[in-house]
């Protein structure tokens, strides 16, 4: 089941197939992959992200249901209060007359009036502070907003909520496949003359470095990587210290390559250093540059001015190229 789905994802994302071996002897090719714990670590991070996303969906669904029910009850209460005020026969003037009559009746019964308040106390009005905070205050904000919404707004909100939950369930197999394929589609290739790194599924990145330009090989390992037995191997070629402004220094530089999450970083480092030393001791240089130089030597003279001397130079260049190829085969 997973193989079919992964094939569909690779075809849908147009991920290129397995990369070709870099320049060098095919017999010297070594292919390295990321460690199993690297995949487990990334799968754990994916699981935590999905759990938090599902918890957020459940939380906001609960808030939505509570706000909708509270808003419905509050609307009904406010409507009943408005009808009661509109149908009450007493006006403000009548209520004032009733209060004055009650005050006169109290004075006639011989009750002493209350002591006058102090002048300073009369100047200070009584302030009542109603504080609404915490969870009730959080819900009250959404309740007030819900009361202002028209009746047809809640069905639309419910439809959006169901759509969001559906998209969440649909993305689960897709993001899982991408996370697993990101581990499976990591290629770290090393030959006797160059190396090639291919990573990524949604964003494919491929870097090829020749040993003629390789300058530095470095192993780095964080605390969590030490626990899991993983490490990162960084290889840097000439020009790796110059990065264009606005560009990430490590990840996007074409002069720096990473063997991410390998469990044999020291073995890979020793292999690269050994082959790099043999490559430099041979003194052959970059084979592509030698080929371009030989072709330039062959085509150094124009055809229309060819002479017996030019023919001798051409023959000598071909003989030199043949001897260089023979020497390269003998050293390998």
Protein backbone atom coordinates (compact mmCIF):
# COMPACT_ATOMS: atom_id res chain seq x y z
CA UNK A 1 0.00 0.00 0.00
CA UNK A 2 2.75 2.42 0.93
CA UNK A 3 4.77 1.59 -2.20
CA UNK A 4 1.85 2.50 -4.44
CA UNK A 5 1.14 5.68 -2.56
CA UNK A 6 4.81 6.71 -2.50
CA UNK A 7 5.07 6.10 -6.24
CA UNK A 8 2.04 8.34 -6.74
CA UNK A 9 3.55 11.06 -4.55
CA UNK A 10 6.88 10.92 -6.38
CA UNK A 11 5.13 11.13 -9.73
CA UNK A 12 2.87 13.95 -8.55
CA UNK A 13 5.80 15.97 -7.15
CA UNK A 14 7.90 15.13 -10.25
CA UNK A 15 10.84 13.95 -8.17
CA UNK A 16 13.73 12.81 -10.43
CA UNK A 17 14.91 9.19 -10.15
CA UNK A 18 18.07 7.98 -8.46
CA UNK A 19 20.99 10.25 -9.33
CA UNK A 20 23.81 9.08 -11.56
CA UNK A 21 27.23 8.40 -10.11
CA UNK A 22 29.57 11.42 -10.16
CA UNK A 23 32.82 11.64 -12.12
CA UNK A 24 35.25 8.88 -11.22
CA UNK A 25 35.91 5.18 -11.42
CA UNK A 26 32.58 3.26 -11.20
CA UNK A 27 34.32 0.58 -9.13
CA UNK A 28 35.18 3.15 -6.46
CA UNK A 29 31.59 4.30 -5.98
CA UNK A 30 30.33 4.26 -2.38
CA UNK A 31 26.71 5.20 -1.58
CA UNK A 32 25.82 6.28 1.95
CA UNK A 33 22.38 6.87 3.46
CA UNK A 34 21.03 8.63 6.53
CA UNK A 35 20.75 6.60 9.74
CA UNK A 36 17.56 4.95 10.96
CA UNK A 37 17.45 7.17 14.04
CA UNK A 38 17.43 10.20 11.76
CA UNK A 39 14.16 8.93 10.29
CA UNK A 40 12.75 8.15 13.74
CA UNK A 41 13.62 11.64 14.96
CA UNK A 42 11.91 13.32 12.02
CA UNK A 43 8.90 11.01 12.38
CA UNK A 44 8.63 11.97 16.06
CA UNK A 45 8.68 15.67 15.15
CA UNK A 46 5.95 15.04 12.56
CA UNK A 47 3.82 13.17 15.14
CA UNK A 48 4.13 15.98 17.69
CA UNK A 49 3.09 18.52 15.05
CA UNK A 50 0.03 16.49 14.07
CA UNK A 51 -1.03 15.96 17.71
CA UNK A 52 -0.77 19.69 18.42
CA UNK A 53 -2.75 20.49 15.27
CA UNK A 54 -5.51 18.03 16.25
CA UNK A 55 -5.60 19.46 19.79
CA UNK A 56 -6.02 22.93 18.29
CA UNK A 57 -8.91 21.73 16.12
CA UNK A 58 -10.65 20.14 19.14
CA UNK A 59 -10.07 23.24 21.27
CA UNK A 60 -11.54 25.67 18.76
CA UNK A 61 -14.45 23.32 18.07
CA UNK A 62 -15.28 23.38 21.80
CA UNK A 63 -14.98 27.18 21.86
CA UNK A 64 -17.21 27.46 18.81
CA UNK A 65 -19.93 25.26 20.33
CA UNK A 66 -19.80 27.12 23.67
CA UNK A 67 -19.92 30.54 22.00
CA UNK A 68 -22.80 29.55 19.76
CA UNK A 69 -24.89 28.23 22.69
CA UNK A 70 -24.08 31.19 24.95
CA UNK A 71 -24.82 33.69 22.18
CA UNK A 72 -28.20 32.05 21.51
CA UNK A 73 -29.17 32.25 25.20
CA UNK A 74 -27.91 35.85 25.51
CA UNK A 75 -29.89 36.92 22.44
CA UNK A 76 -33.06 35.41 23.86
CA UNK A 77 -32.49 37.10 27.24
CA UNK A 78 -31.88 40.51 25.70
CA UNK A 79 -34.94 40.18 23.50
CA UNK A 80 -37.13 39.30 26.52
CA UNK A 81 -35.73 42.28 28.47
CA UNK A 82 -36.46 44.63 25.59
CA UNK A 83 -40.07 43.42 25.36
CA UNK A 84 -40.55 43.81 29.11
CA UNK A 85 -39.27 47.39 29.10
CA UNK A 86 -41.37 48.31 26.09
CA UNK A 87 -44.57 46.95 27.70
CA UNK A 88 -44.11 48.48 31.20
CA UNK A 89 -46.74 51.25 31.88
CA UNK A 90 -44.68 53.30 34.30
CA UNK A 91 -42.56 56.09 32.92
CA UNK A 92 -39.58 57.69 34.53
CA UNK A 93 -41.72 60.55 35.89
CA UNK A 94 -44.16 58.14 37.48
CA UNK A 95 -41.28 56.21 39.06
CA UNK A 96 -39.92 59.50 40.49
CA UNK A 97 -43.34 60.42 41.96
CA UNK A 98 -43.63 57.02 43.58
CA UNK A 99 -40.18 57.44 45.15
CA UNK A 100 -41.09 60.92 46.47
CA UNK A 101 -44.34 59.66 48.00
CA UNK A 102 -42.48 56.86 49.74
CA UNK A 103 -39.98 59.37 51.14
CA UNK A 104 -42.76 61.60 52.56
CA UNK A 105 -44.44 58.65 54.16
CA UNK A 106 -41.19 57.73 55.85
CA UNK A 107 -40.76 61.27 57.26
CA UNK A 108 -44.31 61.29 58.62
CA UNK A 109 -43.68 58.14 60.60
CA UNK A 110 -41.00 59.99 62.58
CA UNK A 111 -37.99 58.22 61.22
CA UNK A 112 -34.83 60.27 61.51
CA UNK A 113 -33.16 61.10 58.26
CA UNK A 114 -29.74 59.77 57.67
CA UNK A 115 -26.79 61.83 58.84
CA UNK A 116 -25.37 64.05 56.18
CA UNK A 117 -22.23 62.78 54.63
CA UNK A 118 -18.96 64.59 55.04
CA UNK A 119 -18.16 67.18 52.40
CA UNK A 120 -15.08 65.35 51.25
CA UNK A 121 -16.96 62.08 51.05
CA UNK A 122 -19.70 63.65 48.92
CA UNK A 123 -17.20 64.68 46.34
CA UNK A 124 -15.93 61.16 45.83
CA UNK A 125 -18.28 59.15 43.68
CA UNK A 126 -18.58 55.47 44.29
CA UNK A 127 -17.05 53.47 41.49
CA UNK A 128 -17.87 49.88 40.92
CA UNK A 129 -15.37 47.90 38.91
CA UNK A 130 -16.53 44.77 37.24
CA UNK A 131 -13.61 42.69 36.16
CA UNK A 132 -14.15 39.94 33.69
CA UNK A 133 -11.05 37.96 32.89
CA UNK A 134 -9.74 34.48 32.41
CA UNK A 135 -11.72 31.92 30.51
CA UNK A 136 -15.06 33.74 30.99
CA UNK A 137 -13.63 36.97 29.61
CA UNK A 138 -12.12 35.10 26.66
CA UNK A 139 -15.49 33.55 25.83
CA UNK A 140 -17.37 36.82 26.40
CA UNK A 141 -15.40 38.52 23.64
CA UNK A 142 -16.43 35.89 21.13
CA UNK A 143 -20.02 35.88 22.44
CA UNK A 144 -20.35 39.62 21.79
CA UNK A 145 -18.98 39.12 18.28
CA UNK A 146 -21.35 36.20 17.70
CA UNK A 147 -24.37 38.29 18.79
CA UNK A 148 -23.57 40.86 16.10
CA UNK A 149 -23.39 38.22 13.37
CA UNK A 150 -26.45 37.48 11.23
CA UNK A 151 -28.24 34.12 11.71
CA UNK A 152 -26.87 32.66 8.47
CA UNK A 153 -23.25 33.15 9.59
CA UNK A 154 -23.13 30.14 11.90
CA UNK A 155 -23.94 27.53 9.21
CA UNK A 156 -21.11 28.96 7.08
CA UNK A 157 -18.74 28.78 10.05
CA UNK A 158 -19.75 25.17 10.67
CA UNK A 159 -19.09 24.34 7.01
CA UNK A 160 -15.62 25.90 7.24
CA UNK A 161 -14.96 23.95 10.43
CA UNK A 162 -15.90 20.66 8.79
CA UNK A 163 -13.80 21.55 5.75
CA UNK A 164 -10.77 22.24 7.95
CA UNK A 165 -11.15 18.90 9.73
CA UNK A 166 -11.47 17.12 6.38
CA UNK A 167 -8.30 18.76 5.06
CA UNK A 168 -6.48 17.79 8.23
CA UNK A 169 -7.42 14.14 7.79
CA UNK A 170 -6.48 14.19 4.10
CA UNK A 171 -3.04 15.68 4.71
CA UNK A 172 -2.05 12.99 7.20
CA UNK A 173 -1.03 10.30 4.66
CA UNK A 174 0.48 12.90 2.31
CA UNK A 175 2.73 14.57 4.88
CA UNK A 176 3.70 11.19 6.32
CA UNK A 177 4.72 9.95 2.86
CA UNK A 178 6.72 13.13 2.20
CA UNK A 179 8.49 12.83 5.54
CA UNK A 180 9.37 9.19 4.91
CA UNK A 181 10.39 9.81 1.30
CA UNK A 182 12.59 12.69 2.44
CA UNK A 183 14.57 10.06 4.36
CA UNK A 184 14.54 7.45 1.61
CA UNK A 185 15.49 9.88 -1.18
CA UNK A 186 18.76 11.00 0.41
CA UNK A 187 21.77 9.99 -1.66
CA UNK A 188 25.36 10.54 -0.56
CA UNK A 189 27.70 9.29 -3.33
CA UNK A 190 31.49 9.28 -3.19
CA UNK A 191 33.94 8.16 -5.91
CA UNK A 192 37.69 8.47 -6.20
CA UNK A 193 37.41 11.90 -7.87
CA UNK A 194 34.20 13.60 -6.72
CA UNK A 195 31.08 13.35 -4.59
CA UNK A 196 27.39 14.01 -5.17
CA UNK A 197 24.63 14.82 -2.65
CA UNK A 198 20.92 14.60 -3.52
CA UNK A 199 18.30 15.50 -0.88
CA UNK A 200 14.68 16.61 -0.72
CA UNK A 201 11.31 15.63 -2.12
CA UNK A 202 9.22 18.80 -2.27
CA UNK A 203 12.41 20.80 -2.88
CA UNK A 204 15.09 18.69 -4.54
CA UNK A 205 18.68 19.84 -4.13
CA UNK A 206 21.67 18.19 -5.79
CA UNK A 207 25.31 19.21 -5.27
CA UNK A 208 28.34 17.78 -7.06
CA UNK A 209 31.86 18.57 -5.84
CA UNK A 210 35.17 17.65 -7.42
CA UNK A 211 38.11 16.70 -5.22
CA UNK A 212 40.14 19.24 -7.17
CA UNK A 213 38.22 22.05 -5.40
CA UNK A 214 37.52 20.36 -2.07
CA UNK A 215 39.10 22.19 0.85
CA UNK A 216 37.51 21.14 4.14
CA UNK A 217 35.77 18.10 5.65
CA UNK A 218 34.18 18.61 9.07
CA UNK A 219 32.08 16.45 11.41
CA UNK A 220 29.58 18.13 13.76
CA UNK A 221 27.39 16.46 16.39
CA UNK A 222 24.86 17.98 18.80
CA UNK A 223 23.75 16.59 22.19
CA UNK A 224 20.64 14.90 20.79
CA UNK A 225 22.62 13.50 17.88
CA UNK A 226 25.15 12.00 20.31
CA UNK A 227 22.31 10.23 22.13
CA UNK A 228 20.94 8.86 18.85
CA UNK A 229 24.35 8.02 17.41
CA UNK A 230 24.05 10.49 14.51
CA UNK A 231 26.26 13.24 13.13
CA UNK A 232 26.47 15.71 10.23
CA UNK A 233 29.38 15.78 7.82
CA UNK A 234 30.12 19.10 6.09
CA UNK A 235 32.23 19.30 2.95
CA UNK A 236 33.32 22.69 1.65
CA UNK A 237 34.88 23.55 -1.69
CA UNK A 238 36.75 26.63 -2.87
CA UNK A 239 34.63 29.77 -2.52
CA UNK A 240 32.53 28.36 0.33
CA UNK A 241 33.32 31.32 2.56
CA UNK A 242 31.75 33.83 0.14
CA UNK A 243 27.96 33.79 0.33
CA UNK A 244 25.73 36.24 -1.49
CA UNK A 245 23.83 38.76 0.72
CA UNK A 246 20.35 37.66 1.72
CA UNK A 247 21.23 33.99 1.30
CA UNK A 248 21.45 31.39 4.03
CA UNK A 249 25.08 30.72 4.77
CA UNK A 250 25.04 26.95 5.08
CA UNK A 251 21.97 25.39 3.57
CA UNK A 252 21.76 27.25 0.25
CA UNK A 253 25.46 27.68 -0.55
CA UNK A 254 26.53 25.73 -3.62
CA UNK A 255 30.04 25.44 -2.19
CA UNK A 256 28.94 23.58 0.95
CA UNK A 257 27.41 20.12 1.11
CA UNK A 258 26.00 18.20 4.07
CA UNK A 259 25.74 14.51 4.83
CA UNK A 260 22.83 14.99 7.24
CA UNK A 261 21.98 12.46 9.92
CA UNK A 262 24.52 9.74 9.05
CA UNK A 263 25.54 7.16 11.65
CA UNK A 264 29.05 6.63 10.19
CA UNK A 265 30.24 10.20 9.73
CA UNK A 266 33.82 9.43 10.81
CA UNK A 267 34.06 6.57 8.33
CA UNK A 268 32.86 8.83 5.51
CA UNK A 269 35.28 11.56 6.57
CA UNK A 270 38.24 9.19 6.58
CA UNK A 271 37.24 7.81 3.17
CA UNK A 272 36.97 11.28 1.62
CA UNK A 273 40.26 12.42 3.12
CA UNK A 274 42.07 9.30 1.92
CA UNK A 275 40.75 9.61 -1.61
CA UNK A 276 41.40 13.34 -1.60
CA UNK A 277 45.03 12.72 -0.62
CA UNK A 278 45.47 10.10 -3.34
CA UNK A 279 43.85 12.39 -5.86
CA UNK A 280 46.22 15.24 -5.07
CA UNK A 281 49.30 12.99 -4.93
CA UNK A 282 48.57 11.69 -8.42
CA UNK A 283 48.96 15.23 -9.83
CA UNK A 284 46.46 14.61 -12.60
CA UNK A 285 44.12 17.39 -11.64
CA UNK A 286 40.50 17.55 -12.66
CA UNK A 287 39.86 15.10 -15.58
CA UNK A 288 37.28 17.45 -17.08
CA UNK A 289 39.81 20.27 -17.21
CA UNK A 290 42.36 17.92 -18.81
CA UNK A 291 39.82 16.91 -21.42
CA UNK A 292 39.02 20.53 -22.24
CA UNK A 293 42.74 21.33 -22.48
CA UNK A 294 43.34 18.39 -24.82
CA UNK A 295 40.44 19.41 -27.04
CA UNK A 296 41.74 22.96 -27.10
CA UNK A 297 45.15 21.67 -28.11
CA UNK A 298 43.64 19.57 -30.87
CA UNK A 299 41.69 22.53 -32.28
CA UNK A 300 44.37 25.14 -31.69
CA UNK A 301 45.16 25.69 -35.38
CA UNK A 302 42.50 26.84 -37.89
CA UNK A 303 41.69 24.45 -40.69
CA UNK A 304 42.34 26.93 -43.47
CA UNK A 305 45.99 27.57 -42.33
CA UNK A 306 46.89 23.93 -41.71
CA UNK A 307 50.38 22.94 -42.74
CA UNK A 308 52.89 20.19 -42.11
CA UNK A 309 53.95 21.89 -38.84
CA UNK A 310 50.33 22.08 -37.67
CA UNK A 311 49.90 18.41 -38.43
CA UNK A 312 52.90 17.60 -36.24
CA UNK A 313 51.48 19.70 -33.38
CA UNK A 314 48.12 17.94 -33.74
CA UNK A 315 49.75 14.52 -33.65
CA UNK A 316 51.79 15.48 -30.61
CA UNK A 317 48.70 16.73 -28.76
CA UNK A 318 46.84 13.49 -29.50
CA UNK A 319 49.80 11.44 -28.32
CA UNK A 320 50.00 13.50 -25.13
CA UNK A 321 46.31 12.98 -24.44
CA UNK A 322 46.66 9.22 -24.99
CA UNK A 323 49.61 9.03 -22.60
CA UNK A 324 47.67 10.97 -19.95
CA UNK A 325 44.74 8.55 -20.22
CA UNK A 326 47.08 5.56 -19.97
CA UNK A 327 48.79 7.04 -16.91
CA UNK A 328 45.42 7.67 -15.25
CA UNK A 329 44.35 4.03 -15.85
CA UNK A 330 47.65 2.76 -14.48
CA UNK A 331 47.32 4.80 -11.30
CA UNK A 332 43.76 3.61 -10.71
